[in-house]
PDB file of N, CA and C in Angstrom:
ATOM      1  N   MET A   1       7.975  12.114   0.813  1.00  0.00           N
ATOM      2  CA  MET A   1       9.097  10.657   1.194  1.00  0.00           C
ATOM      3  C   MET A   1       7.989   9.207   1.103  1.00  0.00           C
ATOM      4  N   SER A   2       7.170   9.478   2.100  1.00  0.00           N
ATOM      5  CA  SER A   2       6.526   8.148   2.553  1.00  0.00           C
ATOM      6  C   SER A   2       5.820   7.469   1.295  1.00  0.00           C
ATOM      7  N   LYS A   3       5.288   8.661   0.282  1.00  0.00           N
ATOM      8  CA  LYS A   3       4.637   7.903  -0.954  1.00  0.00           C
ATOM      9  C   LYS A   3       5.771   7.196  -2.032  1.00  0.00           C
ATOM     10  N   GLU A   4       6.888   7.877  -1.830  1.00  0.00           N
ATOM     11  CA  GLU A   4       7.873   7.041  -2.930  1.00  0.00           C
ATOM     12  C   GLU A   4       8.144   5.941  -2.370  1.00  0.00           C
ATOM     13  N   GLN A   5       8.217   5.767  -0.735  1.00  0.00           N
ATOM     14  CA  GLN A   5       8.500   4.367  -0.418  1.00  0.00           C
ATOM     15  C   GLN A   5       7.570   3.435  -0.772  1.00  0.00           C
ATOM     16  N   ILE A   6       6.435   3.858  -0.400  1.00  0.00           N
ATOM     17  CA  ILE A   6       5.081   3.411  -0.882  1.00  0.00           C
ATOM     18  C   ILE A   6       4.843   2.804  -2.230  1.00  0.00           C
ATOM     19  N   ARG A   7       5.218   3.199  -3.085  1.00  0.00           N
ATOM     20  CA  ARG A   7       5.087   3.122  -4.357  1.00  0.00           C
ATOM     21  C   ARG A   7       6.354   2.067  -4.482  1.00  0.00           C
ATOM     22  N   GLN A   8       7.315   2.183  -4.031  1.00  0.00           N
ATOM     23  CA  GLN A   8       8.592   1.427  -4.166  1.00  0.00           C
ATOM     24  C   GLN A   8       8.080  -0.114  -3.896  1.00  0.00           C
ATOM     25  N   VAL A   9       7.141  -0.476  -2.389  1.00  0.00           N
ATOM     26  CA  VAL A   9       6.835  -1.361  -1.906  1.00  0.00           C
ATOM     27  C   VAL A   9       5.961  -1.909  -2.710  1.00  0.00           C
ATOM     28  N   LEU A  10       4.856  -1.397  -3.364  1.00  0.00           N
ATOM     29  CA  LEU A  10       4.147  -2.020  -3.941  1.00  0.00           C
ATOM     30  C   LEU A  10       4.502  -2.095  -5.588  1.00  0.00           C
ATOM     31  N   LYS A  11       5.696  -1.360  -5.948  1.00  0.00           N
ATOM     32  CA  LYS A  11       6.398  -2.246  -7.573  1.00  0.00           C
ATOM     33  C   LYS A  11       6.797  -3.298  -6.953  1.00  0.00           C
ATOM     34  N   GLU A  12       7.167  -3.708  -5.622  1.00  0.00           N
ATOM     35  CA  GLU A  12       8.101  -4.647  -5.470  1.00  0.00           C
ATOM     36  C   GLU A  12       7.210  -6.250  -5.185  1.00  0.00           C
ATOM     37  N   HIS A  13       6.134  -5.737  -4.817  1.00  0.00           N
ATOM     38  CA  HIS A  13       5.458  -6.763  -3.879  1.00  0.00           C
ATOM     39  C   HIS A  13       3.906  -6.821  -4.609  1.00  0.00           C
ATOM     40  N   GLY A  14       3.321  -5.566  -5.035  1.00  0.00           N
ATOM     41  CA  GLY A  14       1.879  -5.485  -5.588  1.00  0.00           C
ATOM     42  C   GLY A  14       1.784  -6.384  -6.683  1.00  0.00           C
ATOM     43  N   LYS A  15       2.742  -7.209  -7.739  1.00  0.00           N
ATOM     44  CA  LYS A  15       2.427  -7.695  -8.886  1.00  0.00           C
ATOM     45  C   LYS A  15       1.332  -7.316  -9.648  1.00  0.00           C
ATOM     46  N   PHE A  16       1.582  -5.708  -9.967  1.00  0.00           N
ATOM     47  CA  PHE A  16       0.803  -4.993 -11.122  1.00  0.00           C
ATOM     48  C   PHE A  16       1.129  -5.049 -12.670  1.00  0.00           C
ATOM     49  N   SER A  17       0.500  -5.303 -13.314  1.00  0.00           N
ATOM     50  CA  SER A  17       0.695  -5.544 -14.864  1.00  0.00           C
ATOM     51  C   SER A  17       0.999  -4.036 -15.484  1.00  0.00           C
ATOM     52  N   ALA A  18       0.226  -3.485 -14.807  1.00  0.00           N
ATOM     53  CA  ALA A  18       0.816  -1.851 -15.096  1.00  0.00           C
ATOM     54  C   ALA A  18       1.797  -1.055 -14.491  1.00  0.00           C
ATOM     55  N   ASN A  19       2.281  -0.138 -14.915  1.00  0.00           N
ATOM     56  CA  ASN A  19       3.487   0.657 -14.379  1.00  0.00           C
ATOM     57  C   ASN A  19       2.697   1.411 -13.109  1.00  0.00           C
ATOM     58  N   ILE A  20       3.286   0.997 -11.757  1.00  0.00           N
ATOM     59  CA  ILE A  20       2.545   1.688 -10.971  1.00  0.00           C
ATOM     60  C   ILE A  20       2.947   3.495 -10.531  1.00  0.00           C
ATOM     61  N   ASP A  21       4.011   3.932 -11.374  1.00  0.00           N
ATOM     62  CA  ASP A  21       4.180   4.841 -11.309  1.00  0.00           C
ATOM     63  C   ASP A  21       3.333   5.660 -12.305  1.00  0.00           C
ATOM     64  N   SER A  22       2.686   5.188 -13.103  1.00  0.00           N
ATOM     65  CA  SER A  22       1.577   5.983 -14.068  1.00  0.00           C
ATOM     66  C   SER A  22       0.159   6.010 -13.243  1.00  0.00           C
ATOM     67  N   LEU A  23       0.064   5.311 -12.199  1.00  0.00           N
ATOM     68  CA  LEU A  23      -1.205   5.446 -11.357  1.00  0.00           C
ATOM     69  C   LEU A  23      -1.223   6.764 -10.461  1.00  0.00           C
ATOM     70  N   ALA A  24      -2.265   7.177 -10.383  1.00  0.00           N
ATOM     71  CA  ALA A  24      -2.255   8.764  -9.690  1.00  0.00           C
ATOM     72  C   ALA A  24      -2.378   7.951  -7.776  1.00  0.00           C
ATOM     73  N   ASP A  25      -2.355   8.808  -7.123  1.00  0.00           N
ATOM     74  CA  ASP A  25      -1.865   8.646  -5.676  1.00  0.00           C
ATOM     75  C   ASP A  25      -3.446   7.965  -5.317  1.00  0.00           C
ATOM     76  N   ASP A  26      -4.250   8.408  -5.584  1.00  0.00           N
ATOM     77  CA  ASP A  26      -5.701   8.253  -5.366  1.00  0.00           C
ATOM     78  C   ASP A  26      -6.437   7.006  -6.358  1.00  0.00           C
ATOM     79  N   ALA A  27      -5.640   6.520  -7.049  1.00  0.00           N
ATOM     80  CA  ALA A  27      -5.975   5.466  -7.838  1.00  0.00           C
ATOM     81  C   ALA A  27      -6.366   4.051  -7.134  1.00  0.00           C
ATOM     82  N   ASP A  28      -7.545   3.462  -7.336  1.00  0.00           N
ATOM     83  CA  ASP A  28      -7.662   2.113  -6.856  1.00  0.00           C
ATOM     84  C   ASP A  28      -6.726   0.994  -7.262  1.00  0.00           C
ATOM     85  N   LEU A  29      -5.991   0.467  -6.113  1.00  0.00           N
ATOM     86  CA  LEU A  29      -4.979  -0.328  -6.639  1.00  0.00           C
ATOM     87  C   LEU A  29      -5.584  -1.984  -7.117  1.00  0.00           C
ATOM     88  N   TYR A  30      -6.690  -1.824  -6.408  1.00  0.00           N
ATOM     89  CA  TYR A  30      -7.325  -3.269  -6.921  1.00  0.00           C
ATOM     90  C   TYR A  30      -7.880  -3.281  -8.041  1.00  0.00           C
ATOM     91  N   GLU A  31      -8.194  -1.913  -8.431  1.00  0.00           N
ATOM     92  CA  GLU A  31      -8.870  -2.170  -9.894  1.00  0.00           C
ATOM     93  C   GLU A  31      -7.521  -1.921 -10.552  1.00  0.00           C
ATOM     94  N   ALA A  32      -6.432  -1.499 -10.554  1.00  0.00           N
ATOM     95  CA  ALA A  32      -5.158  -1.669 -10.947  1.00  0.00           C
ATOM     96  C   ALA A  32      -4.436  -3.101 -11.422  1.00  0.00           C
ATOM     97  N   GLY A  33      -5.079  -4.078 -10.684  1.00  0.00           N
ATOM     98  CA  GLY A  33      -4.636  -5.267 -10.685  1.00  0.00           C
ATOM     99  C   GLY A  33      -4.064  -5.930  -9.642  1.00  0.00           C
ATOM    100  N   MET A  34      -4.065  -5.125  -8.351  1.00  0.00           N
ATOM    101  CA  MET A  34      -3.442  -5.965  -7.166  1.00  0.00           C
ATOM    102  C   MET A  34      -4.468  -6.839  -6.426  1.00  0.00           C
ATOM    103  N   THR A  35      -4.211  -8.063  -6.038  1.00  0.00           N
ATOM    104  CA  THR A  35      -5.025  -9.282  -5.813  1.00  0.00           C
ATOM    105  C   THR A  35      -4.915  -9.274  -4.577  1.00  0.00           C
ATOM    106  N   SER A  36      -6.004  -9.840  -3.423  1.00  0.00           N
ATOM    107  CA  SER A  36      -5.896  -9.695  -2.071  1.00  0.00           C
ATOM    108  C   SER A  36      -4.899 -10.195  -1.644  1.00  0.00           C
ATOM    109  N   HIS A  37      -4.367 -11.670  -1.991  1.00  0.00           N
ATOM    110  CA  HIS A  37      -3.296 -12.057  -1.584  1.00  0.00           C
ATOM    111  C   HIS A  37      -1.908 -11.410  -1.873  1.00  0.00           C
ATOM    112  N   ALA A  38      -1.754 -10.381  -3.190  1.00  0.00           N
ATOM    113  CA  ALA A  38      -0.627  -9.455  -3.000  1.00  0.00           C
ATOM    114  C   ALA A  38      -1.023  -8.412  -2.345  1.00  0.00           C
ATOM    115  N   SER A  39      -2.122  -7.697  -2.086  1.00  0.00           N
ATOM    116  CA  SER A  39      -1.947  -7.058  -0.560  1.00  0.00           C
ATOM    117  C   SER A  39      -1.708  -7.492   0.702  1.00  0.00           C
ATOM    118  N   VAL A  40      -1.853  -8.577   0.960  1.00  0.00           N
ATOM    119  CA  VAL A  40      -1.250  -9.188   2.013  1.00  0.00           C
ATOM    120  C   VAL A  40       0.347  -9.226   2.337  1.00  0.00           C
ATOM    121  N   ASN A  41       1.027  -9.360   0.700  1.00  0.00           N
ATOM    122  CA  ASN A  41       2.637  -9.182   0.659  1.00  0.00           C
ATOM    123  C   ASN A  41       2.770  -7.626   0.876  1.00  0.00           C
ATOM    124  N   VAL A  42       2.234  -7.056   0.271  1.00  0.00           N
ATOM    125  CA  VAL A  42       2.139  -5.520   0.209  1.00  0.00           C
ATOM    126  C   VAL A  42       2.174  -5.166   1.717  1.00  0.00           C
ATOM    127  N   MET A  43       1.239  -5.269   2.380  1.00  0.00           N
ATOM    128  CA  MET A  43       0.888  -5.110   4.147  1.00  0.00           C
ATOM    129  C   MET A  43       2.061  -5.272   4.776  1.00  0.00           C
ATOM    130  N   LEU A  44       2.673  -6.771   4.373  1.00  0.00           N
ATOM    131  CA  LEU A  44       3.856  -7.269   5.270  1.00  0.00           C
ATOM    132  C   LEU A  44       5.118  -6.184   4.981  1.00  0.00           C
ATOM    133  N   ALA A  45       5.282  -6.121   3.724  1.00  0.00           N
ATOM    134  CA  ALA A  45       6.635  -5.168   3.012  1.00  0.00           C
ATOM    135  C   ALA A  45       6.404  -3.698   3.884  1.00  0.00           C
ATOM    136  N   LEU A  46       5.066  -3.159   3.807  1.00  0.00           N
ATOM    137  CA  LEU A  46       4.855  -1.804   4.147  1.00  0.00           C
ATOM    138  C   LEU A  46       5.147  -1.646   5.920  1.00  0.00           C
ATOM    139  N   GLU A  47       4.971  -2.842   6.529  1.00  0.00           N
ATOM    140  CA  GLU A  47       5.527  -3.206   7.874  1.00  0.00           C
ATOM    141  C   GLU A  47       6.929  -2.954   8.255  1.00  0.00           C
ATOM    142  N   ASP A  48       7.725  -3.813   7.272  1.00  0.00           N
ATOM    143  CA  ASP A  48       8.778  -3.902   7.538  1.00  0.00           C
ATOM    144  C   ASP A  48       9.681  -2.487   6.978  1.00  0.00           C
ATOM    145  N   ALA A  49       8.967  -1.939   5.782  1.00  0.00           N
ATOM    146  CA  ALA A  49       9.815  -0.643   5.477  1.00  0.00           C
ATOM    147  C   ALA A  49       9.362   0.407   6.193  1.00  0.00           C
ATOM    148  N   PHE A  50       8.705   0.391   6.805  1.00  0.00           N
ATOM    149  CA  PHE A  50       8.494   1.588   7.828  1.00  0.00           C
ATOM    150  C   PHE A  50       8.192   1.442   9.217  1.00  0.00           C
ATOM    151  N   ASP A  51       8.499   0.136   9.361  1.00  0.00           N
ATOM    152  CA  ASP A  51       8.994  -0.318  11.265  1.00  0.00           C
ATOM    153  C   ASP A  51       7.722  -0.315  11.924  1.00  0.00           C
ATOM    154  N   LEU A  52       6.455  -0.967  11.574  1.00  0.00           N
ATOM    155  CA  LEU A  52       5.285  -0.573  12.044  1.00  0.00           C
ATOM    156  C   LEU A  52       4.402  -1.597  12.224  1.00  0.00           C
ATOM    157  N   GLU A  53       3.055  -1.682  12.887  1.00  0.00           N
ATOM    158  CA  GLU A  53       2.423  -2.904  12.786  1.00  0.00           C
ATOM    159  C   GLU A  53       0.837  -2.391  12.275  1.00  0.00           C
ATOM    160  N   PHE A  54       0.256  -2.972  11.319  1.00  0.00           N
ATOM    161  CA  PHE A  54      -1.057  -2.463  10.890  1.00  0.00           C
ATOM    162  C   PHE A  54      -1.925  -3.277  12.553  1.00  0.00           C
ATOM    163  N   PRO A  55      -2.670  -2.348  12.848  1.00  0.00           N
ATOM    164  CA  PRO A  55      -3.548  -3.017  13.881  1.00  0.00           C
ATOM    165  C   PRO A  55      -4.976  -3.841  12.998  1.00  0.00           C
ATOM    166  N   ASP A  56      -5.324  -4.824  13.715  1.00  0.00           N
ATOM    167  CA  ASP A  56      -6.507  -5.373  13.377  1.00  0.00           C
ATOM    168  C   ASP A  56      -7.204  -4.695  12.580  1.00  0.00           C
ATOM    169  N   ARG A  57      -7.692  -3.498  13.322  1.00  0.00           N
ATOM    170  CA  ARG A  57      -8.746  -2.444  12.665  1.00  0.00           C
ATOM    171  C   ARG A  57      -8.125  -2.175  11.542  1.00  0.00           C
ATOM    172  N   MET A  58      -7.231  -1.905  10.825  1.00  0.00           N
ATOM    173  CA  MET A  58      -6.609  -1.606   9.823  1.00  0.00           C
ATOM    174  C   MET A  58      -6.570  -2.477   8.541  1.00  0.00           C
ATOM    175  N   LEU A  59      -6.971  -3.904   9.137  1.00  0.00           N
ATOM    176  CA  LEU A  59      -6.749  -5.182   7.980  1.00  0.00           C
ATOM    177  C   LEU A  59      -8.113  -4.889   7.340  1.00  0.00           C
ATOM    178  N   LYS A  60      -8.261  -4.290   6.232  1.00  0.00           N
ATOM    179  CA  LYS A  60      -9.358  -4.105   5.567  1.00  0.00           C
ATOM    180  C   LYS A  60      -9.088  -3.407   4.224  1.00  0.00           C
ATOM    181  N   ARG A  61      -9.788  -4.107   3.079  1.00  0.00           N
ATOM    182  CA  ARG A  61      -9.684  -3.275   1.833  1.00  0.00           C
ATOM    183  C   ARG A  61      -9.245  -1.950   1.493  1.00  0.00           C
ATOM    184  N   SER A  62     -10.199  -1.074   2.421  1.00  0.00           N
ATOM    185  CA  SER A  62     -10.045   0.214   2.054  1.00  0.00           C
ATOM    186  C   SER A  62      -8.718   0.762   2.406  1.00  0.00           C
ATOM    187  N   VAL A  63      -8.101   0.471   3.534  1.00  0.00           N
ATOM    188  CA  VAL A  63      -7.067   0.905   3.827  1.00  0.00           C
ATOM    189  C   VAL A  63      -5.665   0.764   2.834  1.00  0.00           C
ATOM    190  N   PHE A  64      -5.991  -0.210   1.887  1.00  0.00           N
ATOM    191  CA  PHE A  64      -4.964  -0.489   1.172  1.00  0.00           C
ATOM    192  C   PHE A  64      -5.340  -0.108  -0.221  1.00  0.00           C
ATOM    193  N   GLU A  65      -6.352   0.536  -0.580  1.00  0.00           N
ATOM    194  CA  GLU A  65      -7.094   0.560  -1.839  1.00  0.00           C
ATOM    195  C   GLU A  65      -6.428   1.747  -2.680  1.00  0.00           C
ATOM    196  N   SER A  66      -5.642   2.469  -1.748  1.00  0.00           N
ATOM    197  CA  SER A  66      -5.046   3.816  -2.744  1.00  0.00           C
ATOM    198  C   SER A  66      -3.496   3.909  -2.194  1.00  0.00           C
ATOM    199  N   ILE A  67      -2.591   4.718  -2.964  1.00  0.00           N
ATOM    200  CA  ILE A  67      -1.549   5.115  -2.421  1.00  0.00           C
ATOM    201  C   ILE A  67      -1.940   6.077  -1.258  1.00  0.00           C
ATOM    202  N   ASN A  68      -2.902   6.888  -1.087  1.00  0.00           N
ATOM    203  CA  ASN A  68      -3.408   8.324  -0.492  1.00  0.00           C
ATOM    204  C   ASN A  68      -3.724   7.280   0.754  1.00  0.00           C
ATOM    205  N   ALA A  69      -4.560   6.461   0.735  1.00  0.00           N
ATOM    206  CA  ALA A  69      -4.881   5.601   1.680  1.00  0.00           C
ATOM    207  C   ALA A  69      -4.160   4.720   2.512  1.00  0.00           C
ATOM    208  N   ILE A  70      -3.043   4.268   2.187  1.00  0.00           N
ATOM    209  CA  ILE A  70      -1.882   3.755   2.653  1.00  0.00           C
ATOM    210  C   ILE A  70      -1.300   4.957   3.234  1.00  0.00           C
ATOM    211  N   ASP A  71      -0.751   5.697   2.586  1.00  0.00           N
ATOM    212  CA  ASP A  71       0.072   6.972   3.418  1.00  0.00           C
ATOM    213  C   ASP A  71      -0.758   7.567   4.556  1.00  0.00           C
ATOM    214  N   ALA A  72      -2.261   7.546   4.553  1.00  0.00           N
ATOM    215  CA  ALA A  72      -3.099   8.232   5.621  1.00  0.00           C
ATOM    216  C   ALA A  72      -2.812   7.305   6.794  1.00  0.00           C
ATOM    217  N   ALA A  73      -2.867   5.906   6.624  1.00  0.00           N
ATOM    218  CA  ALA A  73      -2.891   5.073   7.570  1.00  0.00           C
ATOM    219  C   ALA A  73      -1.354   5.088   8.181  1.00  0.00           C
ATOM    220  N   ILE A  74      -0.399   5.048   7.170  1.00  0.00           N
ATOM    221  CA  ILE A  74       1.059   4.923   8.010  1.00  0.00           C
ATOM    222  C   ILE A  74       1.328   6.135   9.073  1.00  0.00           C
ATOM    223  N   GLN A  75       0.500   7.687   8.196  1.00  0.00           N
ATOM    224  CA  GLN A  75       0.891   8.939   9.129  1.00  0.00           C
ATOM    225  C   GLN A  75      -0.130   8.840  10.279  1.00  0.00           C
ATOM    226  N   GLU A  76      -0.871   8.200  10.186  1.00  0.00           N
ATOM    227  CA  GLU A  76      -2.015   7.649  11.679  1.00  0.00           C
ATOM    228  C   GLU A  76      -1.153   6.803  12.547  1.00  0.00           C
ATOM    229  N   LEU A  77      -0.362   5.947  12.185  1.00  0.00           N
ATOM    230  CA  LEU A  77       0.778   5.006  13.050  1.00  0.00           C
ATOM    231  C   LEU A  77       1.772   5.399  13.572  1.00  0.00           C
ATOM    232  N   THR A  78       2.223   6.452  12.410  1.00  0.00           N
ATOM    233  CA  THR A  78       3.707   6.747  13.649  1.00  0.00           C
ATOM    234  C   THR A  78       3.527   8.431  13.763  1.00  0.00           C
ATOM    235  N   ALA A  79       2.268   8.711  14.226  1.00  0.00           N
ATOM    236  CA  ALA A  79       1.738  10.209  14.771  1.00  0.00           C
ATOM    237  C   ALA A  79       2.494  10.135  15.898  1.00  0.00           C
TER     238      ALA A  79
END
């Protein structure tokens, strides 16, 4: 369920030129065109969508690098 929600947030806020649906869960989102600025918007939208807050220790590129990485961070925060 959460990976679908993550894809939806990425679709709305990631500003990708490519179709996000065609990306693998482990694809590098930055290589796919997400900018640092867009990643901040994605993070804020994820916080709203999942009703959580990413702690400072998670505010780094690697956490938002792929759908799998984002999913793992959300699983950790909602465990």
